[in-house]
Amino acid sequence: MALVEIPLTPVSQQFAIQLAGVQYQLTLMWRDMAGWVLDIASNDKTPIIQGIPLVAGADLLAQYRYLGIGGQLFVMSDPAVLAPPTQTNLGIESHLYFLTN
């Protein structure tokens, strides 16, 4: 098992990243009422999962285990571990982690 922090900044963003040996495209967007949401696409930008809300205290990929992404994705904040990410603290006080299986 390996724990990796996915580097983020508090702006909408899209980038390529390798998770559990597979290349993905991640898109993060701030949506006022929903907060931060995450889309995961294949390397060729074919959507895999769309609209995952970034909430603390849960494996964001738990209900998508059948897709075989190969790990857990979760948010932790400091100093309050379960505080949700805000529009201005993503990547600063709220962090996104991937834990391989």
C-alpha atoms as a PDB file:
ATOM      1  CA  MET A   1       0.000   0.000   0.000  1.00  0.00           C
ATOM      2  CA  ALA A   2       1.224   3.463  -0.847  1.00  0.00           C
ATOM      3  CA  LEU A   3      -0.269   6.789   0.210  1.00  0.00           C
ATOM      4  CA  VAL A   4       0.094   9.701  -2.209  1.00  0.00           C
ATOM      5  CA  GLU A   5      -1.152  13.258  -1.813  1.00  0.00           C
ATOM      6  CA  ILE A   6      -2.585  14.585  -5.053  1.00  0.00           C
ATOM      7  CA  PRO A   7      -1.234  18.140  -5.351  1.00  0.00           C
ATOM      8  CA  LEU A   8      -4.053  20.665  -5.727  1.00  0.00           C
ATOM      9  CA  THR A   9      -4.611  24.408  -5.657  1.00  0.00           C
ATOM     10  CA  PRO A  10      -7.890  26.215  -4.858  1.00  0.00           C
ATOM     11  CA  VAL A  11      -8.798  26.851  -8.513  1.00  0.00           C
ATOM     12  CA  SER A  12     -10.688  24.744 -11.043  1.00  0.00           C
ATOM     13  CA  GLN A  13      -8.136  22.501 -12.733  1.00  0.00           C
ATOM     14  CA  GLN A  14      -7.560  19.563 -15.045  1.00  0.00           C
ATOM     15  CA  PHE A  15      -4.432  17.414 -15.102  1.00  0.00           C
ATOM     16  CA  ALA A  16      -3.038  13.969 -15.867  1.00  0.00           C
ATOM     17  CA  ILE A  17      -1.980  11.706 -13.019  1.00  0.00           C
ATOM     18  CA  GLN A  18      -0.939   8.095 -12.584  1.00  0.00           C
ATOM     19  CA  LEU A  19      -2.901   6.173  -9.928  1.00  0.00           C
ATOM     20  CA  ALA A  20      -2.126   2.509  -9.204  1.00  0.00           C
ATOM     21  CA  GLY A  21      -0.099   2.317 -12.410  1.00  0.00           C
ATOM     22  CA  VAL A  22      -2.819   3.717 -14.693  1.00  0.00           C
ATOM     23  CA  GLN A  23      -2.858   7.180 -16.282  1.00  0.00           C
ATOM     24  CA  TYR A  24      -6.041   9.222 -15.624  1.00  0.00           C
ATOM     25  CA  GLN A  25      -7.274  12.746 -16.282  1.00  0.00           C
ATOM     26  CA  LEU A  26      -8.687  14.473 -13.184  1.00  0.00           C
ATOM     27  CA  THR A  27     -10.881  17.554 -13.355  1.00  0.00           C
ATOM     28  CA  LEU A  28     -11.798  19.502 -10.218  1.00  0.00           C
ATOM     29  CA  MET A  29     -14.386  22.265 -10.288  1.00  0.00           C
ATOM     30  CA  TRP A  30     -15.910  24.516  -7.668  1.00  0.00           C
ATOM     31  CA  ARG A  31     -19.717  24.457  -7.858  1.00  0.00           C
ATOM     32  CA  ASP A  32     -21.195  26.949  -5.422  1.00  0.00           C
ATOM     33  CA  MET A  33     -23.817  24.831  -3.636  1.00  0.00           C
ATOM     34  CA  ALA A  34     -22.076  21.483  -4.179  1.00  0.00           C
ATOM     35  CA  GLY A  35     -18.564  22.636  -3.308  1.00  0.00           C
ATOM     36  CA  TRP A  36     -15.621  20.930  -5.003  1.00  0.00           C
ATOM     37  CA  VAL A  37     -16.481  18.088  -7.379  1.00  0.00           C
ATOM     38  CA  LEU A  38     -14.174  15.648  -9.138  1.00  0.00           C
ATOM     39  CA  ASP A  39     -14.414  14.012 -12.549  1.00  0.00           C
ATOM     40  CA  ILE A  40     -12.176  11.079 -13.455  1.00  0.00           C
ATOM     41  CA  ALA A  41     -11.506  10.237 -17.096  1.00  0.00           C
ATOM     42  CA  SER A  42      -9.255   7.836 -18.937  1.00  0.00           C
ATOM     43  CA  ASN A  43      -6.035   9.134 -20.452  1.00  0.00           C
ATOM     44  CA  ASP A  44      -7.894   9.792 -23.736  1.00  0.00           C
ATOM     45  CA  LYS A  45     -10.427  11.889 -21.741  1.00  0.00           C
ATOM     46  CA  THR A  46     -13.270   9.346 -21.925  1.00  0.00           C
ATOM     47  CA  PRO A  47     -15.372   9.945 -18.774  1.00  0.00           C
ATOM     48  CA  ILE A  48     -15.176   7.202 -16.137  1.00  0.00           C
ATOM     49  CA  ILE A  49     -16.805   8.900 -13.118  1.00  0.00           C
ATOM     50  CA  GLN A  50     -18.317  12.385 -13.037  1.00  0.00           C
ATOM     51  CA  GLY A  51     -19.459  14.660 -10.240  1.00  0.00           C
ATOM     52  CA  ILE A  52     -17.854  13.089  -7.161  1.00  0.00           C
ATOM     53  CA  PRO A  53     -18.301  15.601  -4.302  1.00  0.00           C
ATOM     54  CA  LEU A  54     -15.112  16.110  -2.278  1.00  0.00           C
ATOM     55  CA  VAL A  55     -16.312  15.257   1.212  1.00  0.00           C
ATOM     56  CA  ALA A  56     -14.141  14.305   4.164  1.00  0.00           C
ATOM     57  CA  GLY A  57     -14.443  11.078   6.126  1.00  0.00           C
ATOM     58  CA  ALA A  58     -15.295   8.639   3.330  1.00  0.00           C
ATOM     59  CA  ASP A  59     -13.636   6.714   0.523  1.00  0.00           C
ATOM     60  CA  LEU A  60     -14.784   8.674  -2.520  1.00  0.00           C
ATOM     61  CA  LEU A  61     -14.289   5.613  -4.738  1.00  0.00           C
ATOM     62  CA  ALA A  62     -16.070   3.058  -2.512  1.00  0.00           C
ATOM     63  CA  GLN A  63     -19.204   2.840  -4.657  1.00  0.00           C
ATOM     64  CA  TYR A  64     -17.089   2.567  -7.819  1.00  0.00           C
ATOM     65  CA  ARG A  65     -14.968  -0.430  -6.722  1.00  0.00           C
ATOM     66  CA  TYR A  66     -16.224  -2.409  -9.745  1.00  0.00           C
ATOM     67  CA  LEU A  67     -14.319  -0.008 -12.036  1.00  0.00           C
ATOM     68  CA  GLY A  68     -11.008  -1.362 -10.757  1.00  0.00           C
ATOM     69  CA  ILE A  69      -9.279   1.958 -10.108  1.00  0.00           C
ATOM     70  CA  GLY A  70      -7.080   0.156  -7.582  1.00  0.00           C
ATOM     71  CA  GLY A  71      -7.258   2.254  -4.459  1.00  0.00           C
ATOM     72  CA  GLN A  72      -9.101   4.603  -2.163  1.00  0.00           C
ATOM     73  CA  LEU A  73      -9.497   8.338  -2.605  1.00  0.00           C
ATOM     74  CA  PHE A  74     -10.187  10.506   0.413  1.00  0.00           C
ATOM     75  CA  VAL A  75     -10.095  14.083   1.696  1.00  0.00           C
ATOM     76  CA  MET A  76      -8.521  15.125   4.987  1.00  0.00           C
ATOM     77  CA  SER A  77      -8.287  18.653   6.331  1.00  0.00           C
ATOM     78  CA  ASP A  78      -6.131  20.268   8.964  1.00  0.00           C
ATOM     79  CA  PRO A  79      -6.528  21.032  11.727  1.00  0.00           C
ATOM     80  CA  ALA A  80     -10.107  19.599  11.669  1.00  0.00           C
ATOM     81  CA  VAL A  81      -9.696  16.276   9.811  1.00  0.00           C
ATOM     82  CA  LEU A  82     -13.358  15.991   8.779  1.00  0.00           C
ATOM     83  CA  ALA A  83     -13.891  19.625   7.734  1.00  0.00           C
ATOM     84  CA  PRO A  84     -15.053  19.907   4.124  1.00  0.00           C
ATOM     85  CA  PRO A  85     -12.795  21.684   1.647  1.00  0.00           C
ATOM     86  CA  THR A  86     -13.759  25.292   1.066  1.00  0.00           C
ATOM     87  CA  GLN A  87     -13.461  27.323  -2.109  1.00  0.00           C
ATOM     88  CA  THR A  88     -10.174  28.810  -0.891  1.00  0.00           C
ATOM     89  CA  ASN A  89      -8.429  26.046   1.084  1.00  0.00           C
ATOM     90  CA  LEU A  90      -8.227  23.119  -1.361  1.00  0.00           C
ATOM     91  CA  GLY A  91      -4.630  21.916  -1.454  1.00  0.00           C
ATOM     92  CA  ILE A  92      -3.692  24.226   1.424  1.00  0.00           C
ATOM     93  CA  GLU A  93      -5.655  22.976   4.451  1.00  0.00           C
ATOM     94  CA  SER A  94      -7.785  20.350   2.675  1.00  0.00           C
ATOM     95  CA  HIS A  95      -5.862  17.571   0.983  1.00  0.00           C
ATOM     96  CA  LEU A  96      -6.803  14.815  -1.467  1.00  0.00           C
ATOM     97  CA  TYR A  97      -5.064  11.449  -0.949  1.00  0.00           C
ATOM     98  CA  PHE A  98      -4.920   8.222  -2.948  1.00  0.00           C
ATOM     99  CA  LEU A  99      -4.169   4.978  -1.103  1.00  0.00           C
ATOM    100  CA  THR A 100      -3.348   2.011  -3.333  1.00  0.00           C
ATOM    101  CA  ASN A 101      -4.876  -1.385  -2.554  1.00  0.00           C
END
